[in-house]
PDB file of N, CA and C in Angstrom:
ATOM      1  N   UNK A   1       0.848  -1.169   0.000  1.00  0.00           N
ATOM      2  CA  UNK A   1       0.000   0.000   0.000  1.00  0.00           C
ATOM      3  C   UNK A   1       0.897   1.236   0.000  1.00  0.00           C
ATOM      4  N   UNK A   2       0.645   2.157  -0.927  1.00  0.00           N
ATOM      5  CA  UNK A   2       1.442   3.361  -1.061  1.00  0.00           C
ATOM      6  C   UNK A   2       0.515   4.570  -0.994  1.00  0.00           C
ATOM      7  N   UNK A   3       0.296   5.073   0.209  1.00  0.00           N
ATOM      8  CA  UNK A   3      -0.641   6.164   0.434  1.00  0.00           C
ATOM      9  C   UNK A   3       0.078   7.498   0.310  1.00  0.00           C
ATOM     10  N   UNK A   4      -0.539   8.426  -0.419  1.00  0.00           N
ATOM     11  CA  UNK A   4      -0.052   9.796  -0.506  1.00  0.00           C
ATOM     12  C   UNK A   4      -1.177  10.708  -0.043  1.00  0.00           C
ATOM     13  N   UNK A   5      -0.850  11.662   0.818  1.00  0.00           N
ATOM     14  CA  UNK A   5      -1.818  12.661   1.264  1.00  0.00           C
ATOM     15  C   UNK A   5      -1.326  14.016   0.784  1.00  0.00           C
ATOM     16  N   UNK A   6      -2.106  14.639  -0.086  1.00  0.00           N
ATOM     17  CA  UNK A   6      -1.826  15.998  -0.532  1.00  0.00           C
ATOM     18  C   UNK A   6      -2.768  16.897   0.255  1.00  0.00           C
ATOM     19  N   UNK A   7      -2.199  17.836   1.001  1.00  0.00           N
ATOM     20  CA  UNK A   7      -3.059  18.670   1.831  1.00  0.00           C
ATOM     21  C   UNK A   7      -2.449  20.019   2.127  1.00  0.00           C
ATOM     22  N   UNK A   8      -3.216  20.789   2.881  1.00  0.00           N
ATOM     23  CA  UNK A   8      -2.772  22.108   3.323  1.00  0.00           C
ATOM     24  C   UNK A   8      -2.469  22.011   4.815  1.00  0.00           C
ATOM     25  N   UNK A   9      -1.401  22.658   5.240  1.00  0.00           N
ATOM     26  CA  UNK A   9      -0.951  22.520   6.627  1.00  0.00           C
ATOM     27  C   UNK A   9      -1.983  23.021   7.639  1.00  0.00           C
ATOM     28  N   UNK A  10      -2.836  23.958   7.269  1.00  0.00           N
ATOM     29  CA  UNK A  10      -3.822  24.491   8.205  1.00  0.00           C
ATOM     30  C   UNK A  10      -5.217  23.892   7.997  1.00  0.00           C
ATOM     31  N   UNK A  11      -5.322  22.842   7.211  1.00  0.00           N
ATOM     32  CA  UNK A  11      -6.623  22.222   6.918  1.00  0.00           C
ATOM     33  C   UNK A  11      -6.954  21.173   7.987  1.00  0.00           C
ATOM     34  N   UNK A  12      -8.085  21.332   8.630  1.00  0.00           N
ATOM     35  CA  UNK A  12      -8.510  20.420   9.685  1.00  0.00           C
ATOM     36  C   UNK A  12      -8.719  19.002   9.145  1.00  0.00           C
ATOM     37  N   UNK A  13      -9.346  18.860   7.963  1.00  0.00           N
ATOM     38  CA  UNK A  13      -9.585  17.536   7.397  1.00  0.00           C
ATOM     39  C   UNK A  13      -8.283  16.832   7.019  1.00  0.00           C
ATOM     40  N   UNK A  14      -7.287  17.590   6.593  1.00  0.00           N
ATOM     41  CA  UNK A  14      -5.981  16.999   6.289  1.00  0.00           C
ATOM     42  C   UNK A  14      -5.355  16.421   7.552  1.00  0.00           C
ATOM     43  N   UNK A  15      -5.450  17.152   8.641  1.00  0.00           N
ATOM     44  CA  UNK A  15      -4.905  16.667   9.914  1.00  0.00           C
ATOM     45  C   UNK A  15      -5.651  15.419  10.380  1.00  0.00           C
ATOM     46  N   UNK A  16      -6.976  15.395  10.165  1.00  0.00           N
ATOM     47  CA  UNK A  16      -7.753  14.211  10.539  1.00  0.00           C
ATOM     48  C   UNK A  16      -7.343  13.011   9.690  1.00  0.00           C
ATOM     49  N   UNK A  17      -7.066  13.225   8.403  1.00  0.00           N
ATOM     50  CA  UNK A  17      -6.635  12.128   7.529  1.00  0.00           C
ATOM     51  C   UNK A  17      -5.290  11.582   7.984  1.00  0.00           C
ATOM     52  N   UNK A  18      -4.369  12.469   8.316  1.00  0.00           N
ATOM     53  CA  UNK A  18      -3.067  12.019   8.813  1.00  0.00           C
ATOM     54  C   UNK A  18      -3.240  11.202  10.092  1.00  0.00           C
ATOM     55  N   UNK A  19      -4.082  11.678  10.987  1.00  0.00           N
ATOM     56  CA  UNK A  19      -4.326  10.967  12.248  1.00  0.00           C
ATOM     57  C   UNK A  19      -4.934   9.595  11.980  1.00  0.00           C
ATOM     58  N   UNK A  20      -5.861   9.518  10.999  1.00  0.00           N
ATOM     59  CA  UNK A  20      -6.505   8.253  10.654  1.00  0.00           C
ATOM     60  C   UNK A  20      -5.448   7.202  10.300  1.00  0.00           C
ATOM     61  N   UNK A  21      -4.507   7.556   9.435  1.00  0.00           N
ATOM     62  CA  UNK A  21      -3.488   6.597   9.000  1.00  0.00           C
ATOM     63  C   UNK A  21      -2.452   6.328  10.090  1.00  0.00           C
ATOM     64  N   UNK A  22      -2.101   7.338  10.883  1.00  0.00           N
ATOM     65  CA  UNK A  22      -1.158   7.127  11.979  1.00  0.00           C
ATOM     66  C   UNK A  22      -1.710   6.150  13.005  1.00  0.00           C
ATOM     67  N   UNK A  23      -2.995   6.314  13.356  1.00  0.00           N
ATOM     68  CA  UNK A  23      -3.604   5.442  14.363  1.00  0.00           C
ATOM     69  C   UNK A  23      -3.627   3.986  13.909  1.00  0.00           C
ATOM     70  N   UNK A  24      -3.682   3.751  12.618  1.00  0.00           N
ATOM     71  CA  UNK A  24      -3.719   2.392  12.078  1.00  0.00           C
ATOM     72  C   UNK A  24      -2.329   1.901  11.660  1.00  0.00           C
ATOM     73  N   UNK A  25      -1.329   2.703  11.972  1.00  0.00           N
ATOM     74  CA  UNK A  25       0.065   2.393  11.648  1.00  0.00           C
ATOM     75  C   UNK A  25       0.265   2.098  10.160  1.00  0.00           C
ATOM     76  N   UNK A  26      -0.397   2.877   9.336  1.00  0.00           N
ATOM     77  CA  UNK A  26      -0.256   2.769   7.884  1.00  0.00           C
ATOM     78  C   UNK A  26       0.678   3.885   7.435  1.00  0.00           C
ATOM     79  N   UNK A  27       1.750   3.510   6.773  1.00  0.00           N
ATOM     80  CA  UNK A  27       2.707   4.504   6.302  1.00  0.00           C
ATOM     81  C   UNK A  27       2.087   5.319   5.168  1.00  0.00           C
ATOM     82  N   UNK A  28       2.410   6.598   5.160  1.00  0.00           N
ATOM     83  CA  UNK A  28       1.926   7.478   4.105  1.00  0.00           C
ATOM     84  C   UNK A  28       2.971   8.546   3.839  1.00  0.00           C
ATOM     85  N   UNK A  29       2.829   9.172   2.694  1.00  0.00           N
ATOM     86  CA  UNK A  29       3.708  10.280   2.335  1.00  0.00           C
ATOM     87  C   UNK A  29       2.842  11.537   2.309  1.00  0.00           C
ATOM     88  N   UNK A  30       3.239  12.566   3.046  1.00  0.00           N
ATOM     89  CA  UNK A  30       2.496  13.821   3.068  1.00  0.00           C
ATOM     90  C   UNK A  30       3.164  14.821   2.135  1.00  0.00           C
ATOM     91  N   UNK A  31       2.355  15.489   1.304  1.00  0.00           N
ATOM     92  CA  UNK A  31       2.862  16.512   0.397  1.00  0.00           C
ATOM     93  C   UNK A  31       2.064  17.785   0.657  1.00  0.00           C
ATOM     94  N   UNK A  32       2.767  18.863   0.972  1.00  0.00           N
ATOM     95  CA  UNK A  32       2.106  20.156   1.188  1.00  0.00           C
ATOM     96  C   UNK A  32       1.685  20.700  -0.176  1.00  0.00           C
ATOM     97  N   UNK A  33       0.387  20.736  -0.386  1.00  0.00           N
ATOM     98  CA  UNK A  33      -0.168  21.109  -1.679  1.00  0.00           C
ATOM     99  C   UNK A  33       0.158  22.564  -2.034  1.00  0.00           C
ATOM    100  N   UNK A  34       0.114  23.450  -1.071  1.00  0.00           N
ATOM    101  CA  UNK A  34       0.372  24.863  -1.350  1.00  0.00           C
ATOM    102  C   UNK A  34       1.842  25.116  -1.660  1.00  0.00           C
ATOM    103  N   UNK A  35       2.722  24.309  -1.081  1.00  0.00           N
ATOM    104  CA  UNK A  35       4.153  24.515  -1.290  1.00  0.00           C
ATOM    105  C   UNK A  35       4.663  23.820  -2.553  1.00  0.00           C
ATOM    106  N   UNK A  36       4.224  22.575  -2.771  1.00  0.00           N
ATOM    107  CA  UNK A  36       4.757  21.785  -3.882  1.00  0.00           C
ATOM    108  C   UNK A  36       3.765  21.568  -5.017  1.00  0.00           C
ATOM    109  N   UNK A  37       2.474  21.647  -4.751  1.00  0.00           N
ATOM    110  CA  UNK A  37       1.466  21.425  -5.781  1.00  0.00           C
ATOM    111  C   UNK A  37       1.455  19.983  -6.265  1.00  0.00           C
ATOM    112  N   UNK A  38       0.799  19.758  -7.381  1.00  0.00           N
ATOM    113  CA  UNK A  38       0.747  18.445  -8.021  1.00  0.00           C
ATOM    114  C   UNK A  38       1.470  18.532  -9.351  1.00  0.00           C
ATOM    115  N   UNK A  39       2.135  17.454  -9.729  1.00  0.00           N
ATOM    116  CA  UNK A  39       2.734  17.424 -11.067  1.00  0.00           C
ATOM    117  C   UNK A  39       1.602  17.262 -12.080  1.00  0.00           C
ATOM    118  N   UNK A  40       1.911  17.453 -13.332  1.00  0.00           N
ATOM    119  CA  UNK A  40       0.895  17.326 -14.376  1.00  0.00           C
ATOM    120  C   UNK A  40       0.261  15.951 -14.409  1.00  0.00           C
ATOM    121  N   UNK A  41       1.092  14.900 -14.300  1.00  0.00           N
ATOM    122  CA  UNK A  41       0.572  13.528 -14.327  1.00  0.00           C
ATOM    123  C   UNK A  41      -0.265  13.237 -13.089  1.00  0.00           C
ATOM    124  N   UNK A  42       0.192  13.711 -11.924  1.00  0.00           N
ATOM    125  CA  UNK A  42      -0.580  13.510 -10.695  1.00  0.00           C
ATOM    126  C   UNK A  42      -1.928  14.217 -10.789  1.00  0.00           C
ATOM    127  N   UNK A  43      -1.921  15.442 -11.310  1.00  0.00           N
ATOM    128  CA  UNK A  43      -3.157  16.207 -11.453  1.00  0.00           C
ATOM    129  C   UNK A  43      -4.142  15.468 -12.357  1.00  0.00           C
ATOM    130  N   UNK A  44      -3.660  14.961 -13.487  1.00  0.00           N
ATOM    131  CA  UNK A  44      -4.536  14.209 -14.403  1.00  0.00           C
ATOM    132  C   UNK A  44      -5.065  12.939 -13.747  1.00  0.00           C
ATOM    133  N   UNK A  45      -4.226  12.239 -12.995  1.00  0.00           N
ATOM    134  CA  UNK A  45      -4.657  11.018 -12.307  1.00  0.00           C
ATOM    135  C   UNK A  45      -5.722  11.336 -11.257  1.00  0.00           C
ATOM    136  N   UNK A  46      -5.539  12.430 -10.531  1.00  0.00           N
ATOM    137  CA  UNK A  46      -6.523  12.830  -9.520  1.00  0.00           C
ATOM    138  C   UNK A  46      -7.846  13.194 -10.192  1.00  0.00           C
ATOM    139  N   UNK A  47      -7.783  13.931 -11.295  1.00  0.00           N
ATOM    140  CA  UNK A  47      -9.018  14.293 -12.013  1.00  0.00           C
ATOM    141  C   UNK A  47      -9.772  13.050 -12.471  1.00  0.00           C
ATOM    142  N   UNK A  48      -9.056  12.072 -13.021  1.00  0.00           N
ATOM    143  CA  UNK A  48      -9.697  10.824 -13.444  1.00  0.00           C
ATOM    144  C   UNK A  48     -10.279  10.087 -12.244  1.00  0.00           C
ATOM    145  N   UNK A  49      -9.540  10.083 -11.147  1.00  0.00           N
ATOM    146  CA  UNK A  49      -9.966   9.347  -9.961  1.00  0.00           C
ATOM    147  C   UNK A  49     -11.187   9.926  -9.278  1.00  0.00           C
ATOM    148  N   UNK A  50     -11.337  11.244  -9.304  1.00  0.00           N
ATOM    149  CA  UNK A  50     -12.467  11.874  -8.615  1.00  0.00           C
ATOM    150  C   UNK A  50     -13.637  12.160  -9.539  1.00  0.00           C
ATOM    151  N   UNK A  51     -13.448  11.956 -10.836  1.00  0.00           N
ATOM    152  CA  UNK A  51     -14.563  12.126 -11.765  1.00  0.00           C
ATOM    153  C   UNK A  51     -14.733  13.528 -12.314  1.00  0.00           C
ATOM    154  N   UNK A  52     -13.663  14.281 -12.419  1.00  0.00           N
ATOM    155  CA  UNK A  52     -13.746  15.583 -13.059  1.00  0.00           C
ATOM    156  C   UNK A  52     -13.385  16.737 -12.140  1.00  0.00           C
ATOM    157  N   UNK A  53     -13.206  17.884 -12.767  1.00  0.00           N
ATOM    158  CA  UNK A  53     -12.723  19.070 -12.064  1.00  0.00           C
ATOM    159  C   UNK A  53     -13.722  19.590 -11.033  1.00  0.00           C
ATOM    160  N   UNK A  54     -15.006  19.458 -11.288  1.00  0.00           N
ATOM    161  CA  UNK A  54     -15.998  19.995 -10.351  1.00  0.00           C
ATOM    162  C   UNK A  54     -15.967  19.282  -9.005  1.00  0.00           C
ATOM    163  N   UNK A  55     -15.513  18.035  -8.975  1.00  0.00           N
ATOM    164  CA  UNK A  55     -15.396  17.303  -7.714  1.00  0.00           C
ATOM    165  C   UNK A  55     -14.115  17.641  -6.963  1.00  0.00           C
ATOM    166  N   UNK A  56     -13.176  18.288  -7.626  1.00  0.00           N
ATOM    167  CA  UNK A  56     -11.888  18.629  -7.015  1.00  0.00           C
ATOM    168  C   UNK A  56     -11.886  20.043  -6.429  1.00  0.00           C
ATOM    169  N   UNK A  57     -12.745  20.898  -6.935  1.00  0.00           N
ATOM    170  CA  UNK A  57     -12.762  22.296  -6.490  1.00  0.00           C
ATOM    171  C   UNK A  57     -13.416  22.407  -5.118  1.00  0.00           C
ATOM    172  N   UNK A  58     -12.819  23.224  -4.266  1.00  0.00           N
ATOM    173  CA  UNK A  58     -13.369  23.504  -2.936  1.00  0.00           C
ATOM    174  C   UNK A  58     -14.390  24.638  -3.068  1.00  0.00           C
ATOM    175  N   UNK A  59     -15.628  24.279  -3.330  1.00  0.00           N
ATOM    176  CA  UNK A  59     -16.682  25.271  -3.588  1.00  0.00           C
ATOM    177  C   UNK A  59     -17.004  26.112  -2.359  1.00  0.00           C
ATOM    178  N   UNK A  60     -16.672  25.635  -1.157  1.00  0.00           N
ATOM    179  CA  UNK A  60     -16.914  26.411   0.053  1.00  0.00           C
ATOM    180  C   UNK A  60     -15.708  27.267   0.435  1.00  0.00           C
ATOM    181  N   UNK A  61     -14.685  27.241  -0.390  1.00  0.00           N
ATOM    182  CA  UNK A  61     -13.464  27.982  -0.095  1.00  0.00           C
ATOM    183  C   UNK A  61     -13.676  29.485  -0.109  1.00  0.00           C
ATOM    184  N   UNK A  62     -12.712  30.191   0.448  1.00  0.00           N
ATOM    185  CA  UNK A  62     -12.827  31.635   0.578  1.00  0.00           C
ATOM    186  C   UNK A  62     -12.094  32.400  -0.517  1.00  0.00           C
ATOM    187  N   UNK A  63     -11.463  31.693  -1.431  1.00  0.00           N
ATOM    188  CA  UNK A  63     -10.719  32.364  -2.499  1.00  0.00           C
ATOM    189  C   UNK A  63     -11.695  33.074  -3.452  1.00  0.00           C
ATOM    190  N   UNK A  64     -11.378  34.288  -3.864  1.00  0.00           N
ATOM    191  CA  UNK A  64     -12.289  35.028  -4.755  1.00  0.00           C
ATOM    192  C   UNK A  64     -12.489  34.361  -6.114  1.00  0.00           C
ATOM    193  N   UNK A  65     -11.521  33.523  -6.533  1.00  0.00           N
ATOM    194  CA  UNK A  65     -11.640  32.854  -7.827  1.00  0.00           C
ATOM    195  C   UNK A  65     -12.787  31.852  -7.864  1.00  0.00           C
ATOM    196  N   UNK A  66     -13.188  31.353  -6.703  1.00  0.00           N
ATOM    197  CA  UNK A  66     -14.266  30.363  -6.633  1.00  0.00           C
ATOM    198  C   UNK A  66     -15.549  30.946  -7.209  1.00  0.00           C
ATOM    199  N   UNK A  67     -15.854  32.181  -6.882  1.00  0.00           N
ATOM    200  CA  UNK A  67     -17.072  32.822  -7.386  1.00  0.00           C
ATOM    201  C   UNK A  67     -17.045  32.883  -8.906  1.00  0.00           C
ATOM    202  N   UNK A  68     -15.915  33.230  -9.470  1.00  0.00           N
ATOM    203  CA  UNK A  68     -15.793  33.289 -10.930  1.00  0.00           C
ATOM    204  C   UNK A  68     -15.941  31.908 -11.563  1.00  0.00           C
ATOM    205  N   UNK A  69     -15.401  30.895 -10.902  1.00  0.00           N
ATOM    206  CA  UNK A  69     -15.418  29.553 -11.474  1.00  0.00           C
ATOM    207  C   UNK A  69     -16.823  28.958 -11.518  1.00  0.00           C
ATOM    208  N   UNK A  70     -17.707  29.441 -10.671  1.00  0.00           N
ATOM    209  CA  UNK A  70     -19.092  28.953 -10.702  1.00  0.00           C
ATOM    210  C   UNK A  70     -19.754  29.238 -12.043  1.00  0.00           C
ATOM    211  N   UNK A  71     -19.298  30.282 -12.721  1.00  0.00           N
ATOM    212  CA  UNK A  71     -19.915  30.701 -13.970  1.00  0.00           C
ATOM    213  C   UNK A  71     -19.129  30.279 -15.207  1.00  0.00           C
ATOM    214  N   UNK A  72     -18.030  29.564 -15.005  1.00  0.00           N
ATOM    215  CA  UNK A  72     -17.239  29.106 -16.147  1.00  0.00           C
ATOM    216  C   UNK A  72     -17.822  27.802 -16.687  1.00  0.00           C
ATOM    217  N   UNK A  73     -18.009  27.744 -17.998  1.00  0.00           N
ATOM    218  CA  UNK A  73     -18.529  26.529 -18.629  1.00  0.00           C
ATOM    219  C   UNK A  73     -17.413  25.619 -19.138  1.00  0.00           C
ATOM    220  N   UNK A  74     -16.280  26.197 -19.456  1.00  0.00           N
ATOM    221  CA  UNK A  74     -15.183  25.449 -20.057  1.00  0.00           C
ATOM    222  C   UNK A  74     -14.408  24.677 -18.986  1.00  0.00           C
ATOM    223  N   UNK A  75     -14.524  23.356 -19.005  1.00  0.00           N
ATOM    224  CA  UNK A  75     -13.854  22.512 -18.009  1.00  0.00           C
ATOM    225  C   UNK A  75     -12.336  22.659 -18.107  1.00  0.00           C
ATOM    226  N   UNK A  76     -11.814  22.795 -19.310  1.00  0.00           N
ATOM    227  CA  UNK A  76     -10.361  22.901 -19.489  1.00  0.00           C
ATOM    228  C   UNK A  76      -9.830  24.182 -18.837  1.00  0.00           C
ATOM    229  N   UNK A  77     -10.596  25.278 -18.963  1.00  0.00           N
ATOM    230  CA  UNK A  77     -10.185  26.538 -18.341  1.00  0.00           C
ATOM    231  C   UNK A  77     -10.195  26.406 -16.816  1.00  0.00           C
ATOM    232  N   UNK A  78     -11.191  25.688 -16.274  1.00  0.00           N
ATOM    233  CA  UNK A  78     -11.241  25.446 -14.829  1.00  0.00           C
ATOM    234  C   UNK A  78     -10.032  24.629 -14.392  1.00  0.00           C
ATOM    235  N   UNK A  79      -9.709  23.586 -15.163  1.00  0.00           N
ATOM    236  CA  UNK A  79      -8.565  22.740 -14.833  1.00  0.00           C
ATOM    237  C   UNK A  79      -7.277  23.548 -14.795  1.00  0.00           C
ATOM    238  N   UNK A  80      -7.089  24.414 -15.794  1.00  0.00           N
ATOM    239  CA  UNK A  80      -5.877  25.235 -15.840  1.00  0.00           C
ATOM    240  C   UNK A  80      -5.789  26.160 -14.630  1.00  0.00           C
ATOM    241  N   UNK A  81      -6.916  26.772 -14.264  1.00  0.00           N
ATOM    242  CA  UNK A  81      -6.949  27.697 -13.132  1.00  0.00           C
ATOM    243  C   UNK A  81      -6.632  26.967 -11.824  1.00  0.00           C
ATOM    244  N   UNK A  82      -7.215  25.780 -11.638  1.00  0.00           N
ATOM    245  CA  UNK A  82      -6.989  25.009 -10.412  1.00  0.00           C
ATOM    246  C   UNK A  82      -5.566  24.457 -10.370  1.00  0.00           C
ATOM    247  N   UNK A  83      -5.052  24.015 -11.510  1.00  0.00           N
ATOM    248  CA  UNK A  83      -3.675  23.503 -11.555  1.00  0.00           C
ATOM    249  C   UNK A  83      -2.685  24.604 -11.165  1.00  0.00           C
ATOM    250  N   UNK A  84      -2.934  25.822 -11.635  1.00  0.00           N
ATOM    251  CA  UNK A  84      -2.043  26.941 -11.338  1.00  0.00           C
ATOM    252  C   UNK A  84      -2.197  27.457  -9.909  1.00  0.00           C
ATOM    253  N   UNK A  85      -3.366  27.207  -9.284  1.00  0.00           N
ATOM    254  CA  UNK A  85      -3.623  27.694  -7.928  1.00  0.00           C
ATOM    255  C   UNK A  85      -4.153  26.551  -7.065  1.00  0.00           C
ATOM    256  N   UNK A  86      -3.266  25.746  -6.469  1.00  0.00           N
ATOM    257  CA  UNK A  86      -3.690  24.584  -5.682  1.00  0.00           C
ATOM    258  C   UNK A  86      -4.562  24.927  -4.475  1.00  0.00           C
ATOM    259  N   UNK A  87      -4.583  26.197  -4.053  1.00  0.00           N
ATOM    260  CA  UNK A  87      -5.431  26.592  -2.925  1.00  0.00           C
ATOM    261  C   UNK A  87      -6.912  26.417  -3.245  1.00  0.00           C
ATOM    262  N   UNK A  88      -7.252  26.274  -4.520  1.00  0.00           N
ATOM    263  CA  UNK A  88      -8.648  26.093  -4.927  1.00  0.00           C
ATOM    264  C   UNK A  88      -9.116  24.643  -4.788  1.00  0.00           C
ATOM    265  N   UNK A  89      -8.189  23.728  -4.494  1.00  0.00           N
ATOM    266  CA  UNK A  89      -8.539  22.310  -4.394  1.00  0.00           C
ATOM    267  C   UNK A  89      -9.075  21.967  -3.014  1.00  0.00           C
ATOM    268  N   UNK A  90     -10.054  21.084  -2.996  1.00  0.00           N
ATOM    269  CA  UNK A  90     -10.552  20.547  -1.726  1.00  0.00           C
ATOM    270  C   UNK A  90      -9.517  19.565  -1.203  1.00  0.00           C
ATOM    271  N   UNK A  91      -9.271  19.617   0.093  1.00  0.00           N
ATOM    272  CA  UNK A  91      -8.267  18.737   0.685  1.00  0.00           C
ATOM    273  C   UNK A  91      -8.860  17.950   1.835  1.00  0.00           C
ATOM    274  N   UNK A  92      -8.268  16.849   2.207  1.00  0.00           N
ATOM    275  CA  UNK A  92      -7.071  16.239   1.644  1.00  0.00           C
ATOM    276  C   UNK A  92      -7.389  15.455   0.367  1.00  0.00           C
ATOM    277  N   UNK A  93      -6.396  15.359  -0.495  1.00  0.00           N
ATOM    278  CA  UNK A  93      -6.461  14.473  -1.647  1.00  0.00           C
ATOM    279  C   UNK A  93      -5.620  13.263  -1.249  1.00  0.00           C
ATOM    280  N   UNK A  94      -6.250  12.106  -1.157  1.00  0.00           N
ATOM    281  CA  UNK A  94      -5.561  10.895  -0.704  1.00  0.00           C
ATOM    282  C   UNK A  94      -5.521   9.906  -1.861  1.00  0.00           C
ATOM    283  N   UNK A  95      -4.308   9.450  -2.200  1.00  0.00           N
ATOM    284  CA  UNK A  95      -4.117   8.501  -3.294  1.00  0.00           C
ATOM    285  C   UNK A  95      -3.565   7.190  -2.777  1.00  0.00           C
ATOM    286  N   UNK A  96      -4.094   6.127  -3.332  1.00  0.00           N
ATOM    287  CA  UNK A  96      -3.564   4.785  -3.099  1.00  0.00           C
ATOM    288  C   UNK A  96      -3.506   4.128  -4.472  1.00  0.00           C
ATOM    289  N   UNK A  97      -2.370   4.273  -5.149  1.00  0.00           N
ATOM    290  CA  UNK A  97      -2.276   3.795  -6.521  1.00  0.00           C
ATOM    291  C   UNK A  97      -3.181   4.638  -7.405  1.00  0.00           C
ATOM    292  N   UNK A  98      -4.147   3.978  -8.066  1.00  0.00           N
ATOM    293  CA  UNK A  98      -5.072   4.706  -8.929  1.00  0.00           C
ATOM    294  C   UNK A  98      -6.341   5.136  -8.197  1.00  0.00           C
ATOM    295  N   UNK A  99      -6.530   4.640  -6.983  1.00  0.00           N
ATOM    296  CA  UNK A  99      -7.695   5.031  -6.186  1.00  0.00           C
ATOM    297  C   UNK A  99      -7.432   6.398  -5.563  1.00  0.00           C
ATOM    298  N   UNK A 100      -8.413   7.287  -5.666  1.00  0.00           N
ATOM    299  CA  UNK A 100      -8.259   8.655  -5.177  1.00  0.00           C
ATOM    300  C   UNK A 100      -9.512   9.077  -4.433  1.00  0.00           C
ATOM    301  N   UNK A 101      -9.322   9.786  -3.320  1.00  0.00           N
ATOM    302  CA  UNK A 101     -10.451  10.413  -2.632  1.00  0.00           C
ATOM    303  C   UNK A 101     -10.120  11.879  -2.400  1.00  0.00           C
ATOM    304  N   UNK A 102     -11.163  12.686  -2.305  1.00  0.00           N
ATOM    305  CA  UNK A 102     -11.015  14.100  -1.992  1.00  0.00           C
ATOM    306  C   UNK A 102     -11.879  14.374  -0.781  1.00  0.00           C
ATOM    307  N   UNK A 103     -11.280  14.985   0.238  1.00  0.00           N
ATOM    308  CA  UNK A 103     -11.989  15.225   1.481  1.00  0.00           C
ATOM    309  C   UNK A 103     -11.726  14.085   2.458  1.00  0.00           C
ATOM    310  N   UNK A 104     -12.369  14.162   3.612  1.00  0.00           N
ATOM    311  CA  UNK A 104     -12.190  13.153   4.655  1.00  0.00           C
ATOM    312  C   UNK A 104     -13.136  11.992   4.381  1.00  0.00           C
ATOM    313  N   UNK A 105     -12.616  10.835   3.978  1.00  0.00           N
ATOM    314  CA  UNK A 105     -13.422   9.679   3.544  1.00  0.00           C
ATOM    315  C   UNK A 105     -12.963   8.385   4.208  1.00  0.00           C
ATOM    316  N   UNK A 106     -13.077   8.243   5.528  1.00  0.00           N
ATOM    317  CA  UNK A 106     -12.563   7.030   6.186  1.00  0.00           C
ATOM    318  C   UNK A 106     -13.281   5.761   5.747  1.00  0.00           C
ATOM    319  N   UNK A 107     -14.536   5.867   5.317  1.00  0.00           N
ATOM    320  CA  UNK A 107     -15.258   4.671   4.879  1.00  0.00           C
ATOM    321  C   UNK A 107     -14.632   4.068   3.618  1.00  0.00           C
ATOM    322  N   UNK A 108     -14.054   4.884   2.780  1.00  0.00           N
ATOM    323  CA  UNK A 108     -13.371   4.383   1.579  1.00  0.00           C
ATOM    324  C   UNK A 108     -11.969   3.902   1.942  1.00  0.00           C
ATOM    325  N   UNK A 109     -11.271   4.642   2.788  1.00  0.00           N
ATOM    326  CA  UNK A 109      -9.909   4.253   3.182  1.00  0.00           C
ATOM    327  C   UNK A 109      -9.908   2.924   3.905  1.00  0.00           C
ATOM    328  N   UNK A 110     -10.992   2.616   4.605  1.00  0.00           N
ATOM    329  CA  UNK A 110     -11.083   1.358   5.323  1.00  0.00           C
ATOM    330  C   UNK A 110     -10.977   0.168   4.369  1.00  0.00           C
ATOM    331  N   UNK A 111     -11.531   0.319   3.159  1.00  0.00           N
ATOM    332  CA  UNK A 111     -11.466  -0.776   2.183  1.00  0.00           C
ATOM    333  C   UNK A 111     -10.062  -0.928   1.593  1.00  0.00           C
ATOM    334  N   UNK A 112      -9.187   0.056   1.791  1.00  0.00           N
ATOM    335  CA  UNK A 112      -7.809  -0.018   1.281  1.00  0.00           C
ATOM    336  C   UNK A 112      -6.907  -0.816   2.198  1.00  0.00           C
ATOM    337  N   UNK A 113      -7.311  -1.029   3.456  1.00  0.00           N
ATOM    338  CA  UNK A 113      -6.448  -1.694   4.439  1.00  0.00           C
ATOM    339  C   UNK A 113      -6.300  -3.166   4.153  1.00  0.00           C
TER     340      UNK A 113
END
């Protein structure tokens, strides 16, 4: 099992995800999303895993770009904007191979054990 957690250091759900795996003694790799972002291949894999850009965007976020993105029809333009600004992504993004979750999803992670 090769777990990766992409998150923001001040995100409560990211901290809960880390605690979930620590309590079960499951090794994981943490990547600070705001500092390092996602590579192009990782971003594409996450988009495929979550079912599109609309599932990756943090619609409750406080960034002013979120309001603009609600009115954008072009999915590719949304992808470019989110790729360039990882703060727009909902966190944590947890990967186990090709399986991906966004947000705190212990019911899905349980099936990975």
